[in-house]
Amino acid sequence: LSLLEGEKKLIKCALPITERFHFIPGNRKLEHFDSLFANSYGRELKIQKALAPALAKYDYIIIDTSPSQGGVTISALFAAQMLICPIDPEVDSLDSAIELTKSIDIIKKSEMSTHFNMSKLYILPIKQKEGLFRNTFQKEVLHEINSVFGKDNFSTEIGILKPVLDDKSIPVERWQGIFKD
């Protein structure tokens, strides 16, 4: 937050975990990004501008946001070159991913598109860990993921990744016919 507010430089915010891995902790006040920067011109570019000095120093910068479409997430989208969007195999999660992809398309068609550098969106289905469908995917939702994101429904290039299978008893081959990548 102090980086985005211009109070500290990036080098003062990055905590070295190892020589080649640094971490910038979030702050609960970032939940109020919209109200904190409500009157700021170009608030969508806050994270992009804050991270610009680090681009030459780091191979990768990973930004983890909540699955909302609030200001901090939009600002992170403007800073990103690639997005990995994990989705639970349920309709609400699929709907959120569709809305996010529509928002990306709207940004790419807006006057702010010159500041938007995202080249690829990856959809990553993840396994449900609790409930009736424990250790399985809802096949209907997986089919829907492929039908929605597997075609040219959006202007953004989209890749569908194989699902995260942390249960070794489920063979990856079981799902290979469902996914593009």
C-alpha atoms as a PDB file:
ATOM      1  CA  LEU A   1       0.000   0.000   0.000  1.00  0.00           C
ATOM      2  CA  SER A   2       2.810   2.413   0.836  1.00  0.00           C
ATOM      3  CA  LEU A   3       4.327   1.600  -2.582  1.00  0.00           C
ATOM      4  CA  LEU A   4       1.069   2.373  -4.381  1.00  0.00           C
ATOM      5  CA  GLU A   5       0.617   5.556  -2.362  1.00  0.00           C
ATOM      6  CA  GLY A   6       4.133   6.653  -3.332  1.00  0.00           C
ATOM      7  CA  GLU A   7       5.371   6.718   0.271  1.00  0.00           C
ATOM      8  CA  LYS A   8       8.048   4.031  -0.282  1.00  0.00           C
ATOM      9  CA  LYS A   9      10.129   2.893  -3.223  1.00  0.00           C
ATOM     10  CA  LEU A  10       9.903  -0.690  -4.447  1.00  0.00           C
ATOM     11  CA  ILE A  11      13.319  -1.604  -3.063  1.00  0.00           C
ATOM     12  CA  LYS A  12      12.169  -0.676   0.451  1.00  0.00           C
ATOM     13  CA  CYS A  13       9.005  -2.796   0.177  1.00  0.00           C
ATOM     14  CA  ALA A  14      10.501  -6.006  -1.240  1.00  0.00           C
ATOM     15  CA  LEU A  15      11.506  -8.434   1.509  1.00  0.00           C
ATOM     16  CA  PRO A  16      14.282 -10.829   0.441  1.00  0.00           C
ATOM     17  CA  ILE A  17      13.265 -14.430   1.129  1.00  0.00           C
ATOM     18  CA  THR A  18      16.328 -15.723  -0.729  1.00  0.00           C
ATOM     19  CA  GLU A  19      18.850 -13.942  -2.946  1.00  0.00           C
ATOM     20  CA  ARG A  20      16.642 -14.433  -6.029  1.00  0.00           C
ATOM     21  CA  PHE A  21      13.179 -14.446  -4.441  1.00  0.00           C
ATOM     22  CA  HIS A  22      11.627 -11.340  -2.942  1.00  0.00           C
ATOM     23  CA  PHE A  23       8.190 -10.812  -1.506  1.00  0.00           C
ATOM     24  CA  ILE A  24       6.019  -7.733  -1.064  1.00  0.00           C
ATOM     25  CA  PRO A  25       3.318  -8.400   1.517  1.00  0.00           C
ATOM     26  CA  GLY A  26      -0.165  -7.131   0.968  1.00  0.00           C
ATOM     27  CA  ASN A  27      -2.122  -5.026   3.371  1.00  0.00           C
ATOM     28  CA  ARG A  28      -5.733  -5.393   4.476  1.00  0.00           C
ATOM     29  CA  LYS A  29      -6.243  -1.751   3.534  1.00  0.00           C
ATOM     30  CA  LEU A  30      -5.897  -2.800  -0.113  1.00  0.00           C
ATOM     31  CA  GLU A  31      -9.501  -3.994   0.223  1.00  0.00           C
ATOM     32  CA  HIS A  32     -10.305  -0.284   0.188  1.00  0.00           C
ATOM     33  CA  PHE A  33      -8.296   0.401  -2.985  1.00  0.00           C
ATOM     34  CA  ASP A  34     -11.347   1.875  -4.724  1.00  0.00           C
ATOM     35  CA  SER A  35     -12.052   4.418  -1.997  1.00  0.00           C
ATOM     36  CA  LEU A  36      -8.365   5.154  -1.296  1.00  0.00           C
ATOM     37  CA  PHE A  37      -7.699   6.026  -4.930  1.00  0.00           C
ATOM     38  CA  ALA A  38     -11.205   7.152  -5.938  1.00  0.00           C
ATOM     39  CA  ASN A  39     -10.014  10.598  -6.983  1.00  0.00           C
ATOM     40  CA  SER A  40      -6.719   9.425  -8.489  1.00  0.00           C
ATOM     41  CA  TYR A  41      -6.360   9.844 -12.217  1.00  0.00           C
ATOM     42  CA  GLY A  42      -5.068   6.624 -13.777  1.00  0.00           C
ATOM     43  CA  ARG A  43      -5.685   4.422 -10.751  1.00  0.00           C
ATOM     44  CA  GLU A  44      -5.854   1.470 -13.135  1.00  0.00           C
ATOM     45  CA  LEU A  45      -2.127   1.977 -13.755  1.00  0.00           C
ATOM     46  CA  LYS A  46      -1.049   2.193 -10.088  1.00  0.00           C
ATOM     47  CA  ILE A  47       0.432  -1.317  -9.867  1.00  0.00           C
ATOM     48  CA  GLN A  48       1.933  -1.159 -13.360  1.00  0.00           C
ATOM     49  CA  LYS A  49       3.780   2.068 -12.550  1.00  0.00           C
ATOM     50  CA  ALA A  50       4.850   0.836  -9.113  1.00  0.00           C
ATOM     51  CA  LEU A  51       6.373  -2.345 -10.583  1.00  0.00           C
ATOM     52  CA  ALA A  52       7.999  -0.721 -13.636  1.00  0.00           C
ATOM     53  CA  PRO A  53      11.386  -0.241 -11.919  1.00  0.00           C
ATOM     54  CA  ALA A  54      11.492  -3.976 -11.073  1.00  0.00           C
ATOM     55  CA  LEU A  55      10.890  -5.333 -14.570  1.00  0.00           C
ATOM     56  CA  ALA A  56      14.593  -5.410 -15.467  1.00  0.00           C
ATOM     57  CA  LYS A  57      15.579  -6.924 -12.111  1.00  0.00           C
ATOM     58  CA  TYR A  58      13.160  -9.875 -11.945  1.00  0.00           C
ATOM     59  CA  ASP A  59      12.393 -12.724 -14.334  1.00  0.00           C
ATOM     60  CA  TYR A  60       8.858 -13.058 -12.985  1.00  0.00           C
ATOM     61  CA  ILE A  61       6.573 -10.925 -10.890  1.00  0.00           C
ATOM     62  CA  ILE A  62       3.531 -12.745  -9.568  1.00  0.00           C
ATOM     63  CA  ILE A  63       0.537 -10.776  -8.354  1.00  0.00           C
ATOM     64  CA  ASP A  64      -2.122 -12.618  -6.383  1.00  0.00           C
ATOM     65  CA  THR A  65      -5.471 -10.876  -6.039  1.00  0.00           C
ATOM     66  CA  SER A  66      -8.897 -11.795  -4.807  1.00  0.00           C
ATOM     67  CA  PRO A  67     -11.339 -13.113  -7.422  1.00  0.00           C
ATOM     68  CA  SER A  68     -13.237  -9.834  -7.579  1.00  0.00           C
ATOM     69  CA  GLN A  69     -13.356  -7.149 -10.221  1.00  0.00           C
ATOM     70  CA  GLY A  70     -12.505  -4.383  -7.809  1.00  0.00           C
ATOM     71  CA  GLY A  71      -9.971  -1.646  -8.418  1.00  0.00           C
ATOM     72  CA  VAL A  72      -6.946  -3.539  -7.145  1.00  0.00           C
ATOM     73  CA  THR A  73      -7.715  -6.488  -9.443  1.00  0.00           C
ATOM     74  CA  ILE A  74      -8.220  -4.187 -12.443  1.00  0.00           C
ATOM     75  CA  SER A  75      -4.933  -2.434 -11.614  1.00  0.00           C
ATOM     76  CA  ALA A  76      -3.223  -5.847 -11.420  1.00  0.00           C
ATOM     77  CA  LEU A  77      -4.682  -6.750 -14.835  1.00  0.00           C
ATOM     78  CA  PHE A  78      -3.085  -3.639 -16.328  1.00  0.00           C
ATOM     79  CA  ALA A  79       0.263  -4.672 -14.815  1.00  0.00           C
ATOM     80  CA  ALA A  80       0.041  -8.276 -16.042  1.00  0.00           C
ATOM     81  CA  GLN A  81       1.376  -9.776 -19.241  1.00  0.00           C
ATOM     82  CA  MET A  82      -0.301 -13.107 -18.548  1.00  0.00           C
ATOM     83  CA  LEU A  83      -3.175 -14.185 -16.310  1.00  0.00           C
ATOM     84  CA  ILE A  84      -3.813 -17.590 -14.809  1.00  0.00           C
ATOM     85  CA  CYS A  85      -7.435 -17.773 -13.707  1.00  0.00           C
ATOM     86  CA  PRO A  86      -8.149 -20.769 -11.464  1.00  0.00           C
ATOM     87  CA  ILE A  87     -11.763 -21.895 -11.515  1.00  0.00           C
ATOM     88  CA  ASP A  88     -13.569 -24.349  -9.322  1.00  0.00           C
ATOM     89  CA  PRO A  89     -15.711 -26.828 -11.277  1.00  0.00           C
ATOM     90  CA  GLU A  90     -18.918 -25.027 -10.403  1.00  0.00           C
ATOM     91  CA  VAL A  91     -21.192 -22.626 -12.236  1.00  0.00           C
ATOM     92  CA  ASP A  92     -20.527 -19.527 -10.078  1.00  0.00           C
ATOM     93  CA  SER A  93     -16.780 -19.804 -10.605  1.00  0.00           C
ATOM     94  CA  LEU A  94     -17.287 -20.296 -14.345  1.00  0.00           C
ATOM     95  CA  ASP A  95     -19.569 -17.246 -14.494  1.00  0.00           C
ATOM     96  CA  SER A  96     -16.937 -15.149 -12.688  1.00  0.00           C
ATOM     97  CA  ALA A  97     -14.248 -16.246 -15.169  1.00  0.00           C
ATOM     98  CA  ILE A  98     -16.549 -15.365 -18.081  1.00  0.00           C
ATOM     99  CA  GLU A  99     -17.243 -11.915 -16.605  1.00  0.00           C
ATOM    100  CA  LEU A 100     -13.522 -11.344 -16.035  1.00  0.00           C
ATOM    101  CA  THR A 101     -12.770 -12.307 -19.639  1.00  0.00           C
ATOM    102  CA  LYS A 102     -15.491  -9.952 -20.875  1.00  0.00           C
ATOM    103  CA  SER A 103     -13.935  -7.168 -18.781  1.00  0.00           C
ATOM    104  CA  ILE A 104     -10.543  -7.870 -20.354  1.00  0.00           C
ATOM    105  CA  ASP A 105     -12.123  -7.636 -23.813  1.00  0.00           C
ATOM    106  CA  ILE A 106     -13.775  -4.328 -22.885  1.00  0.00           C
ATOM    107  CA  ILE A 107     -10.447  -2.929 -21.651  1.00  0.00           C
ATOM    108  CA  LYS A 108      -8.741  -4.042 -24.875  1.00  0.00           C
ATOM    109  CA  LYS A 109     -11.354  -2.105 -26.881  1.00  0.00           C
ATOM    110  CA  SER A 110     -11.180   1.012 -24.704  1.00  0.00           C
ATOM    111  CA  GLU A 111      -9.005   4.123 -24.888  1.00  0.00           C
ATOM    112  CA  MET A 112      -6.896   2.542 -22.100  1.00  0.00           C
ATOM    113  CA  SER A 113      -5.865  -0.344 -24.378  1.00  0.00           C
ATOM    114  CA  THR A 114      -2.478   1.248 -25.092  1.00  0.00           C
ATOM    115  CA  HIS A 115      -1.594   0.712 -21.423  1.00  0.00           C
ATOM    116  CA  PHE A 116      -2.847  -2.890 -21.364  1.00  0.00           C
ATOM    117  CA  ASN A 117      -0.127  -5.485 -22.026  1.00  0.00           C
ATOM    118  CA  MET A 118      -1.830  -8.797 -21.292  1.00  0.00           C
ATOM    119  CA  SER A 119      -1.133 -11.213 -24.108  1.00  0.00           C
ATOM    120  CA  LYS A 120      -2.657 -14.449 -22.828  1.00  0.00           C
ATOM    121  CA  LEU A 121      -5.228 -15.722 -20.379  1.00  0.00           C
ATOM    122  CA  TYR A 122      -5.037 -19.266 -19.047  1.00  0.00           C
ATOM    123  CA  ILE A 123      -8.058 -20.955 -17.521  1.00  0.00           C
ATOM    124  CA  LEU A 124      -7.013 -23.457 -14.855  1.00  0.00           C
ATOM    125  CA  PRO A 125      -9.781 -25.754 -13.605  1.00  0.00           C
ATOM    126  CA  ILE A 126      -9.056 -26.884 -10.068  1.00  0.00           C
ATOM    127  CA  LYS A 127     -10.464 -29.770  -8.126  1.00  0.00           C
ATOM    128  CA  GLN A 128     -13.241 -29.279  -5.649  1.00  0.00           C
ATOM    129  CA  LYS A 129     -12.014 -30.412  -2.252  1.00  0.00           C
ATOM    130  CA  GLU A 130     -15.260 -30.695  -0.321  1.00  0.00           C
ATOM    131  CA  GLY A 131     -18.839 -31.567  -0.894  1.00  0.00           C
ATOM    132  CA  LEU A 132     -20.755 -34.090  -2.918  1.00  0.00           C
ATOM    133  CA  PHE A 133     -18.259 -34.179  -5.813  1.00  0.00           C
ATOM    134  CA  ARG A 134     -15.138 -34.646  -3.696  1.00  0.00           C
ATOM    135  CA  ASN A 135     -12.094 -35.737  -5.737  1.00  0.00           C
ATOM    136  CA  THR A 136     -13.974 -35.385  -9.023  1.00  0.00           C
ATOM    137  CA  PHE A 137     -14.861 -32.700 -11.507  1.00  0.00           C
ATOM    138  CA  GLN A 138     -18.341 -31.803 -12.503  1.00  0.00           C
ATOM    139  CA  LYS A 139     -18.154 -32.941 -16.109  1.00  0.00           C
ATOM    140  CA  GLU A 140     -20.903 -30.583 -17.222  1.00  0.00           C
ATOM    141  CA  VAL A 141     -18.911 -27.580 -16.015  1.00  0.00           C
ATOM    142  CA  LEU A 142     -15.717 -28.892 -17.632  1.00  0.00           C
ATOM    143  CA  HIS A 143     -17.620 -29.286 -20.891  1.00  0.00           C
ATOM    144  CA  GLU A 144     -18.921 -25.722 -20.481  1.00  0.00           C
ATOM    145  CA  ILE A 145     -15.372 -24.430 -19.829  1.00  0.00           C
ATOM    146  CA  ASN A 146     -14.290 -25.934 -23.132  1.00  0.00           C
ATOM    147  CA  SER A 147     -17.304 -24.694 -25.047  1.00  0.00           C
ATOM    148  CA  VAL A 148     -17.000 -21.134 -23.688  1.00  0.00           C
ATOM    149  CA  PHE A 149     -13.215 -20.700 -23.645  1.00  0.00           C
ATOM    150  CA  GLY A 150     -12.213 -23.227 -26.309  1.00  0.00           C
ATOM    151  CA  LYS A 151     -13.662 -21.198 -29.172  1.00  0.00           C
ATOM    152  CA  ASP A 152     -13.082 -17.662 -30.416  1.00  0.00           C
ATOM    153  CA  ASN A 153     -15.743 -16.137 -28.163  1.00  0.00           C
ATOM    154  CA  PHE A 154     -13.356 -13.447 -26.879  1.00  0.00           C
ATOM    155  CA  SER A 155     -10.708 -11.198 -28.424  1.00  0.00           C
ATOM    156  CA  THR A 156      -8.207 -12.394 -25.804  1.00  0.00           C
ATOM    157  CA  GLU A 157      -6.087 -15.457 -26.575  1.00  0.00           C
ATOM    158  CA  ILE A 158      -7.156 -18.130 -24.090  1.00  0.00           C
ATOM    159  CA  GLY A 159      -5.523 -21.409 -23.173  1.00  0.00           C
ATOM    160  CA  ILE A 160      -7.186 -24.085 -21.086  1.00  0.00           C
ATOM    161  CA  LEU A 161      -4.745 -25.860 -18.802  1.00  0.00           C
ATOM    162  CA  LYS A 162      -5.063 -29.373 -17.467  1.00  0.00           C
ATOM    163  CA  PRO A 163      -6.735 -29.442 -14.078  1.00  0.00           C
ATOM    164  CA  VAL A 164      -4.760 -29.452 -10.883  1.00  0.00           C
ATOM    165  CA  LEU A 165      -4.880 -33.005  -9.599  1.00  0.00           C
ATOM    166  CA  ASP A 166      -3.446 -33.232  -6.107  1.00  0.00           C
ATOM    167  CA  ASP A 167      -4.996 -36.644  -5.553  1.00  0.00           C
ATOM    168  CA  LYS A 168      -2.530 -39.066  -7.177  1.00  0.00           C
ATOM    169  CA  SER A 169      -5.223 -41.739  -7.430  1.00  0.00           C
ATOM    170  CA  ILE A 170      -6.855 -39.818 -10.293  1.00  0.00           C
ATOM    171  CA  PRO A 171      -4.801 -40.438 -13.459  1.00  0.00           C
ATOM    172  CA  VAL A 172      -4.109 -37.359 -15.568  1.00  0.00           C
ATOM    173  CA  GLU A 173      -4.901 -39.388 -18.697  1.00  0.00           C
ATOM    174  CA  ARG A 174      -8.507 -39.547 -17.556  1.00  0.00           C
ATOM    175  CA  TRP A 175      -8.846 -35.819 -18.356  1.00  0.00           C
ATOM    176  CA  GLN A 176      -6.573 -35.424 -21.379  1.00  0.00           C
ATOM    177  CA  GLY A 177      -9.378 -35.691 -23.896  1.00  0.00           C
ATOM    178  CA  ILE A 178     -11.169 -32.760 -22.307  1.00  0.00           C
ATOM    179  CA  PHE A 179      -8.448 -30.087 -22.389  1.00  0.00           C
ATOM    180  CA  LYS A 180      -6.745 -28.248 -25.222  1.00  0.00           C
ATOM    181  CA  ASP A 181      -3.276 -27.740 -23.667  1.00  0.00           C
END
